[in-house]
C-alpha atoms as a PDB file:
ATOM      1  CA  MET A   1     -67.411  -7.232   6.359  1.00  0.00           C
ATOM      2  CA  ASN A   2     -64.728  -7.632   4.007  1.00  0.00           C
ATOM      3  CA  ASP A   3     -62.984  -4.490   2.817  1.00  0.00           C
ATOM      4  CA  PHE A   4     -61.710  -4.301  -0.496  1.00  0.00           C
ATOM      5  CA  ILE A   5     -58.263  -2.875  -0.733  1.00  0.00           C
ATOM      6  CA  ALA A   6     -57.343  -1.466  -4.389  1.00  0.00           C
ATOM      7  CA  ARG A   7     -53.814  -2.191  -5.304  1.00  0.00           C
ATOM      8  CA  SER A   8     -51.817  -0.839  -7.985  1.00  0.00           C
ATOM      9  CA  ILE A   9     -50.633  -2.969 -10.900  1.00  0.00           C
ATOM     10  CA  PRO A  10     -47.207  -2.201 -12.388  1.00  0.00           C
ATOM     11  CA  VAL A  11     -47.773  -0.429 -15.589  1.00  0.00           C
ATOM     12  CA  PHE A  12     -44.830  -0.103 -18.248  1.00  0.00           C
ATOM     13  CA  PRO A  13     -43.755   3.514 -17.733  1.00  0.00           C
ATOM     14  CA  ASP A  14     -42.432   4.467 -20.919  1.00  0.00           C
ATOM     15  CA  ASP A  15     -44.853   5.838 -23.814  1.00  0.00           C
ATOM     16  CA  ASP A  16     -42.511   4.331 -26.435  1.00  0.00           C
ATOM     17  CA  SER A  17     -42.380   0.944 -25.218  1.00  0.00           C
ATOM     18  CA  GLY A  18     -42.069  -0.997 -28.416  1.00  0.00           C
ATOM     19  CA  ILE A  19     -45.803  -2.149 -28.574  1.00  0.00           C
ATOM     20  CA  ARG A  20     -49.299  -0.372 -28.969  1.00  0.00           C
ATOM     21  CA  LEU A  21     -52.776  -1.636 -27.993  1.00  0.00           C
ATOM     22  CA  VAL A  22     -55.115  -1.666 -31.323  1.00  0.00           C
ATOM     23  CA  ASP A  23     -58.883  -1.509 -31.542  1.00  0.00           C
ATOM     24  CA  GLY A  24     -60.021  -4.860 -32.967  1.00  0.00           C
ATOM     25  CA  THR A  25     -62.939  -3.277 -34.793  1.00  0.00           C
ATOM     26  CA  THR A  26     -61.518   0.114 -35.791  1.00  0.00           C
ATOM     27  CA  GLY A  27     -57.662  -0.567 -36.165  1.00  0.00           C
ATOM     28  CA  GLU A  28     -57.005   2.626 -34.302  1.00  0.00           C
ATOM     29  CA  GLU A  29     -54.148   2.713 -31.545  1.00  0.00           C
ATOM     30  CA  ILE A  30     -55.765   2.725 -27.761  1.00  0.00           C
ATOM     31  CA  LYS A  31     -53.339   5.112 -26.113  1.00  0.00           C
ATOM     32  CA  PRO A  32     -52.773   5.351 -22.480  1.00  0.00           C
ATOM     33  CA  GLY A  33     -55.237   7.810 -20.410  1.00  0.00           C
ATOM     34  CA  GLN A  34     -57.861   6.689 -23.057  1.00  0.00           C
ATOM     35  CA  MET A  35     -61.308   5.790 -22.216  1.00  0.00           C
ATOM     36  CA  ILE A  36     -62.539   2.540 -23.394  1.00  0.00           C
ATOM     37  CA  PRO A  37     -65.755   0.317 -23.199  1.00  0.00           C
ATOM     38  CA  GLU A  38     -65.802  -1.688 -20.133  1.00  0.00           C
ATOM     39  CA  PRO A  39     -65.802  -5.360 -21.400  1.00  0.00           C
ATOM     40  CA  TYR A  40     -68.864  -6.239 -19.217  1.00  0.00           C
ATOM     41  CA  GLY A  41     -70.876  -3.310 -20.644  1.00  0.00           C
ATOM     42  CA  ARG A  42     -70.721  -1.605 -17.281  1.00  0.00           C
ATOM     43  CA  GLY A  43     -69.646   1.651 -18.336  1.00  0.00           C
ATOM     44  CA  ARG A  44     -66.010   3.106 -19.456  1.00  0.00           C
ATOM     45  CA  ILE A  45     -62.539   2.565 -18.203  1.00  0.00           C
ATOM     46  CA  THR A  46     -59.181   3.988 -18.654  1.00  0.00           C
ATOM     47  CA  TYR A  47     -56.366   2.279 -20.064  1.00  0.00           C
ATOM     48  CA  LEU A  48     -53.175   2.721 -18.403  1.00  0.00           C
ATOM     49  CA  GLY A  49     -50.433   0.652 -20.630  1.00  0.00           C
ATOM     50  CA  PRO A  50     -49.093  -2.535 -20.724  1.00  0.00           C
ATOM     51  CA  THR A  51     -48.106  -4.661 -17.928  1.00  0.00           C
ATOM     52  CA  VAL A  52     -44.405  -4.909 -16.833  1.00  0.00           C
ATOM     53  CA  HIS A  53     -42.115  -8.054 -16.829  1.00  0.00           C
ATOM     54  CA  THR A  54     -38.547  -9.124 -16.990  1.00  0.00           C
ATOM     55  CA  LEU A  55     -37.069 -11.994 -18.187  1.00  0.00           C
ATOM     56  CA  ASP A  56     -35.017 -14.821 -15.942  1.00  0.00           C
ATOM     57  CA  GLY A  57     -31.473 -13.248 -15.620  1.00  0.00           C
ATOM     58  CA  ASP A  58     -32.096  -9.940 -17.040  1.00  0.00           C
ATOM     59  CA  PRO A  59     -33.600  -7.286 -14.653  1.00  0.00           C
ATOM     60  CA  THR A  60     -34.441  -4.677 -17.527  1.00  0.00           C
ATOM     61  CA  PRO A  61     -37.994  -4.552 -17.322  1.00  0.00           C
ATOM     62  CA  ARG A  62     -40.095  -4.773 -20.823  1.00  0.00           C
ATOM     63  CA  PRO A  63     -43.613  -4.356 -21.544  1.00  0.00           C
ATOM     64  CA  GLY A  64     -46.163  -7.249 -21.264  1.00  0.00           C
ATOM     65  CA  ARG A  65     -48.718  -8.325 -23.248  1.00  0.00           C
ATOM     66  CA  VAL A  66     -51.843  -7.862 -20.557  1.00  0.00           C
ATOM     67  CA  ALA A  67     -53.376  -4.517 -20.737  1.00  0.00           C
ATOM     68  CA  VAL A  68     -53.817  -2.587 -17.258  1.00  0.00           C
ATOM     69  CA  VAL A  69     -56.975  -0.325 -16.741  1.00  0.00           C
ATOM     70  CA  ARG A  70     -58.552   1.782 -14.081  1.00  0.00           C
ATOM     71  CA  TYR A  71     -61.857   1.347 -12.903  1.00  0.00           C
ATOM     72  CA  THR A  72     -63.086   4.541 -11.354  1.00  0.00           C
ATOM     73  CA  THR A  73     -65.980   3.104  -9.237  1.00  0.00           C
ATOM     74  CA  PRO A  74     -64.485   1.674  -6.901  1.00  0.00           C
ATOM     75  CA  ALA A  75     -60.987   2.936  -7.721  1.00  0.00           C
ATOM     76  CA  THR A  76     -58.955   0.186  -8.825  1.00  0.00           C
ATOM     77  CA  ASP A  77     -56.868  -1.197 -11.262  1.00  0.00           C
ATOM     78  CA  TRP A  78     -57.547  -4.241 -13.051  1.00  0.00           C
ATOM     79  CA  ALA A  79     -55.752  -6.453 -15.838  1.00  0.00           C
ATOM     80  CA  PHE A  80     -57.230  -7.723 -19.232  1.00  0.00           C
ATOM     81  CA  LEU A  81     -56.054  -9.567 -21.921  1.00  0.00           C
ATOM     82  CA  PRO A  82     -56.196  -7.460 -25.161  1.00  0.00           C
ATOM     83  CA  THR A  83     -58.967 -10.068 -26.365  1.00  0.00           C
ATOM     84  CA  GLU A  84     -61.407  -9.376 -23.523  1.00  0.00           C
ATOM     85  CA  LEU A  85     -60.855  -5.481 -24.631  1.00  0.00           C
ATOM     86  CA  ASN A  86     -61.677  -6.526 -28.215  1.00  0.00           C
ATOM     87  CA  ALA A  87     -57.993  -5.143 -29.081  1.00  0.00           C
ATOM     88  CA  ARG A  88     -54.646  -6.822 -29.806  1.00  0.00           C
ATOM     89  CA  TYR A  89     -51.099  -5.803 -28.972  1.00  0.00           C
ATOM     90  CA  GLU A  90     -48.795  -4.871 -32.115  1.00  0.00           C
ATOM     91  CA  ASP A  91     -45.151  -4.243 -32.273  1.00  0.00           C
ATOM     92  CA  THR A  92     -43.896  -0.696 -33.284  1.00  0.00           C
ATOM     93  CA  SER A  93     -40.303  -1.504 -32.918  1.00  0.00           C
ATOM     94  CA  THR A  94     -37.831  -4.489 -33.201  1.00  0.00           C
ATOM     95  CA  THR A  95     -36.441  -3.484 -29.820  1.00  0.00           C
ATOM     96  CA  PRO A  96     -38.312  -1.910 -27.150  1.00  0.00           C
ATOM     97  CA  ARG A  97     -36.520   0.933 -24.837  1.00  0.00           C
ATOM     98  CA  ALA A  98     -35.380  -0.014 -21.507  1.00  0.00           C
ATOM     99  CA  THR A  99     -35.980   2.471 -18.866  1.00  0.00           C
ATOM    100  CA  HIS A 100     -33.800   3.229 -15.857  1.00  0.00           C
END
């Protein structure tokens, strides 16, 4: 029997990341910690925030454009493109704040 091992996907840690996830139907912001519909109609999941990425030659973490969510059963993190969540990322500032 294969055991599934849940691994955590890095999430950008700063609330002021410079981007926000917006519901494609209502236009309302989806905030980290908010419950949203699961894309395949199997209940609800928790939005955790955008992924983390770095640019070549620059180790400063930046927010990615992939949404990280948490399932409760089984307890695991997963990543979806915003369109899979009927959402989109919008810029909120011209320069995201760096975290240290």
